[in-house]
Amino acid sequence: MSIVTASDGSPATSSRCGPALNLIGETWVEGRGITNRDICNPADTAEVLALVREAALEQVDEACAAAAAAFPG
């Protein structure tokens, strides 16, 4: 939750944070895909919690390889 300024200048609360990141291996990275997606509060779908840039195809391959290496056999 963060404090933001409402249009009338009064403080208001917002649960929206900065851009969300993707976890690939042990590293948090910003997606390099061409599509952005809003992540909404499941209890109030009108409330956007974060904006996520989807992973590029190469990042998906990296994530799959990291997952396979983490759980051998």
N, C-alpha and C. Protein backbone atom coordinates (compact mmCIF):
# COMPACT_ATOMS: atom_id res chain seq x y z
N MET A 1 0.85 -1.16 0.00
CA MET A 1 0.00 0.00 0.00
C MET A 1 0.90 1.23 0.00
N SER A 2 0.57 2.22 -0.80
CA SER A 2 1.35 3.43 -0.84
C SER A 2 0.44 4.64 -0.73
N ILE A 3 1.04 5.76 -0.37
CA ILE A 3 0.28 7.00 -0.27
C ILE A 3 0.43 7.76 -1.57
N VAL A 4 -0.66 8.19 -2.13
CA VAL A 4 -0.67 8.99 -3.36
C VAL A 4 -1.50 10.24 -3.10
N THR A 5 -1.41 11.19 -3.99
CA THR A 5 -2.19 12.41 -3.84
C THR A 5 -3.43 12.33 -4.73
N ALA A 6 -4.58 12.53 -4.13
CA ALA A 6 -5.84 12.52 -4.88
C ALA A 6 -5.94 13.79 -5.71
N SER A 7 -6.89 13.83 -6.63
CA SER A 7 -7.04 14.98 -7.52
C SER A 7 -7.32 16.27 -6.75
N ASP A 8 -7.89 16.17 -5.56
CA ASP A 8 -8.15 17.37 -4.75
C ASP A 8 -6.98 17.73 -3.86
N GLY A 9 -5.85 17.01 -3.99
CA GLY A 9 -4.65 17.30 -3.20
C GLY A 9 -4.58 16.56 -1.89
N SER A 10 -5.64 15.85 -1.51
CA SER A 10 -5.62 15.12 -0.24
C SER A 10 -4.92 13.78 -0.42
N PRO A 11 -4.34 13.24 0.67
CA PRO A 11 -3.69 11.93 0.55
C PRO A 11 -4.71 10.82 0.36
N ALA A 12 -4.36 9.83 -0.41
CA ALA A 12 -5.20 8.67 -0.64
C ALA A 12 -4.30 7.45 -0.65
N THR A 13 -4.86 6.28 -0.46
CA THR A 13 -4.05 5.07 -0.49
C THR A 13 -4.23 4.37 -1.82
N SER A 14 -3.19 3.69 -2.21
CA SER A 14 -3.24 2.90 -3.44
C SER A 14 -2.42 1.65 -3.22
N SER A 15 -2.94 0.52 -3.69
CA SER A 15 -2.18 -0.71 -3.60
C SER A 15 -1.35 -0.94 -4.86
N ARG A 16 -1.44 -0.03 -5.82
CA ARG A 16 -0.69 -0.19 -7.07
C ARG A 16 0.79 0.06 -6.81
N CYS A 17 1.59 -0.83 -7.30
CA CYS A 17 3.03 -0.69 -7.14
C CYS A 17 3.64 -0.47 -8.52
N GLY A 18 4.95 -0.43 -8.57
CA GLY A 18 5.63 -0.26 -9.84
C GLY A 18 5.49 -1.50 -10.70
N PRO A 19 6.15 -1.50 -11.83
CA PRO A 19 6.06 -2.67 -12.72
C PRO A 19 6.51 -3.95 -12.01
N ALA A 20 5.78 -5.01 -12.21
CA ALA A 20 6.13 -6.30 -11.62
C ALA A 20 7.23 -6.96 -12.46
N LEU A 21 7.99 -7.83 -11.83
CA LEU A 21 9.10 -8.49 -12.50
C LEU A 21 8.83 -9.98 -12.63
N ASN A 22 9.58 -10.62 -13.51
CA ASN A 22 9.52 -12.07 -13.72
C ASN A 22 10.71 -12.70 -13.02
N LEU A 23 10.50 -13.84 -12.39
CA LEU A 23 11.59 -14.57 -11.75
C LEU A 23 12.10 -15.62 -12.73
N ILE A 24 13.35 -15.47 -13.13
CA ILE A 24 14.00 -16.44 -14.03
C ILE A 24 15.23 -16.94 -13.31
N GLY A 25 15.23 -18.22 -12.98
CA GLY A 25 16.31 -18.76 -12.16
C GLY A 25 16.22 -18.14 -10.78
N GLU A 26 17.26 -17.46 -10.38
CA GLU A 26 17.26 -16.78 -9.08
C GLU A 26 17.28 -15.27 -9.24
N THR A 27 16.91 -14.78 -10.43
CA THR A 27 17.02 -13.35 -10.72
C THR A 27 15.66 -12.78 -11.13
N TRP A 28 15.32 -11.63 -10.57
CA TRP A 28 14.12 -10.92 -10.96
C TRP A 28 14.46 -10.01 -12.13
N VAL A 29 13.75 -10.15 -13.23
CA VAL A 29 14.01 -9.36 -14.43
C VAL A 29 12.71 -8.81 -15.00
N GLU A 30 12.81 -7.69 -15.70
CA GLU A 30 11.66 -7.15 -16.39
C GLU A 30 11.45 -7.94 -17.67
N GLY A 31 10.21 -8.22 -17.98
CA GLY A 31 9.91 -8.92 -19.22
C GLY A 31 10.32 -8.09 -20.43
N ARG A 32 10.72 -8.79 -21.48
CA ARG A 32 11.10 -8.11 -22.72
C ARG A 32 10.12 -8.40 -23.85
N GLY A 33 8.96 -8.94 -23.50
CA GLY A 33 7.94 -9.24 -24.50
C GLY A 33 7.27 -7.97 -25.01
N ILE A 34 6.38 -8.15 -25.96
CA ILE A 34 5.72 -6.99 -26.56
C ILE A 34 4.36 -6.69 -25.93
N THR A 35 3.91 -7.53 -25.00
CA THR A 35 2.59 -7.38 -24.40
C THR A 35 2.68 -6.99 -22.94
N ASN A 36 1.90 -6.00 -22.54
CA ASN A 36 1.75 -5.64 -21.13
C ASN A 36 0.43 -6.20 -20.63
N ARG A 37 0.39 -6.52 -19.36
CA ARG A 37 -0.83 -7.08 -18.78
C ARG A 37 -1.05 -6.46 -17.41
N ASP A 38 -2.28 -6.02 -17.14
CA ASP A 38 -2.64 -5.52 -15.82
C ASP A 38 -2.93 -6.70 -14.90
N ILE A 39 -2.41 -6.63 -13.68
CA ILE A 39 -2.72 -7.62 -12.65
C ILE A 39 -3.73 -6.96 -11.72
N CYS A 40 -4.91 -7.53 -11.62
CA CYS A 40 -6.01 -6.93 -10.86
C CYS A 40 -6.21 -7.62 -9.52
N ASN A 41 -6.76 -6.88 -8.60
CA ASN A 41 -7.15 -7.41 -7.31
C ASN A 41 -8.28 -8.41 -7.54
N PRO A 42 -8.14 -9.66 -7.11
CA PRO A 42 -9.20 -10.63 -7.36
C PRO A 42 -10.50 -10.31 -6.62
N ALA A 43 -10.41 -9.53 -5.54
CA ALA A 43 -11.61 -9.16 -4.80
C ALA A 43 -12.28 -7.93 -5.41
N ASP A 44 -11.55 -7.17 -6.23
CA ASP A 44 -12.09 -5.97 -6.87
C ASP A 44 -11.37 -5.81 -8.20
N THR A 45 -11.90 -6.43 -9.23
CA THR A 45 -11.20 -6.47 -10.52
C THR A 45 -11.07 -5.10 -11.18
N ALA A 46 -11.70 -4.08 -10.64
CA ALA A 46 -11.51 -2.73 -11.16
C ALA A 46 -10.22 -2.11 -10.63
N GLU A 47 -9.64 -2.71 -9.58
CA GLU A 47 -8.42 -2.20 -8.97
C GLU A 47 -7.20 -2.89 -9.59
N VAL A 48 -6.39 -2.12 -10.28
CA VAL A 48 -5.18 -2.65 -10.89
C VAL A 48 -4.07 -2.60 -9.85
N LEU A 49 -3.44 -3.75 -9.58
CA LEU A 49 -2.38 -3.83 -8.59
C LEU A 49 -1.00 -3.60 -9.19
N ALA A 50 -0.80 -4.09 -10.40
CA ALA A 50 0.51 -3.96 -11.02
C ALA A 50 0.39 -4.10 -12.52
N LEU A 51 1.37 -3.58 -13.21
CA LEU A 51 1.48 -3.73 -14.65
C LEU A 51 2.65 -4.67 -14.91
N VAL A 52 2.43 -5.71 -15.69
CA VAL A 52 3.47 -6.69 -15.97
C VAL A 52 3.73 -6.72 -17.47
N ARG A 53 4.99 -6.60 -17.83
CA ARG A 53 5.36 -6.84 -19.22
C ARG A 53 5.65 -8.33 -19.32
N GLU A 54 4.99 -9.00 -20.24
CA GLU A 54 5.18 -10.43 -20.39
C GLU A 54 6.59 -10.75 -20.86
N ALA A 55 7.02 -11.94 -20.56
CA ALA A 55 8.36 -12.39 -20.95
C ALA A 55 8.41 -12.62 -22.46
N ALA A 56 9.57 -12.38 -23.02
CA ALA A 56 9.82 -12.71 -24.42
C ALA A 56 10.01 -14.22 -24.54
N LEU A 57 9.90 -14.74 -25.73
CA LEU A 57 10.06 -16.19 -25.93
C LEU A 57 11.39 -16.69 -25.40
N GLU A 58 12.47 -15.91 -25.59
CA GLU A 58 13.79 -16.34 -25.09
C GLU A 58 13.78 -16.42 -23.57
N GLN A 59 13.06 -15.50 -22.91
CA GLN A 59 12.98 -15.53 -21.46
C GLN A 59 12.20 -16.74 -20.97
N VAL A 60 11.18 -17.13 -21.70
CA VAL A 60 10.42 -18.33 -21.35
C VAL A 60 11.33 -19.55 -21.43
N ASP A 61 12.14 -19.62 -22.48
CA ASP A 61 13.10 -20.73 -22.62
C ASP A 61 14.09 -20.73 -21.46
N GLU A 62 14.58 -19.54 -21.07
CA GLU A 62 15.52 -19.44 -19.94
C GLU A 62 14.86 -19.90 -18.65
N ALA A 63 13.60 -19.52 -18.43
CA ALA A 63 12.88 -19.91 -17.22
C ALA A 63 12.65 -21.42 -17.17
N CYS A 64 12.32 -22.01 -18.31
CA CYS A 64 12.12 -23.46 -18.37
C CYS A 64 13.43 -24.21 -18.11
N ALA A 65 14.51 -23.71 -18.67
CA ALA A 65 15.82 -24.33 -18.46
C ALA A 65 16.23 -24.22 -16.98
N ALA A 66 15.98 -23.07 -16.37
CA ALA A 66 16.33 -22.88 -14.96
C ALA A 66 15.49 -23.80 -14.09
N ALA A 67 14.21 -23.96 -14.41
CA ALA A 67 13.33 -24.84 -13.63
C ALA A 67 13.77 -26.29 -13.77
N ALA A 68 14.13 -26.70 -14.97
CA ALA A 68 14.59 -28.08 -15.19
C ALA A 68 15.88 -28.34 -14.44
N ALA A 69 16.78 -27.36 -14.40
CA ALA A 69 18.05 -27.53 -13.68
C ALA A 69 17.83 -27.57 -12.17
N ALA A 70 16.79 -26.87 -11.69
CA ALA A 70 16.52 -26.83 -10.26
C ALA A 70 15.92 -28.15 -9.75
N PHE A 71 15.28 -28.89 -10.61
CA PHE A 71 14.62 -30.14 -10.22
C PHE A 71 15.06 -31.29 -11.13
N PRO A 72 16.33 -31.68 -11.04
CA PRO A 72 16.79 -32.77 -11.90
C PRO A 72 16.13 -34.10 -11.53
N GLY A 73 15.98 -34.93 -12.54
CA GLY A 73 15.46 -36.28 -12.33
C GLY A 73 14.03 -36.25 -11.97
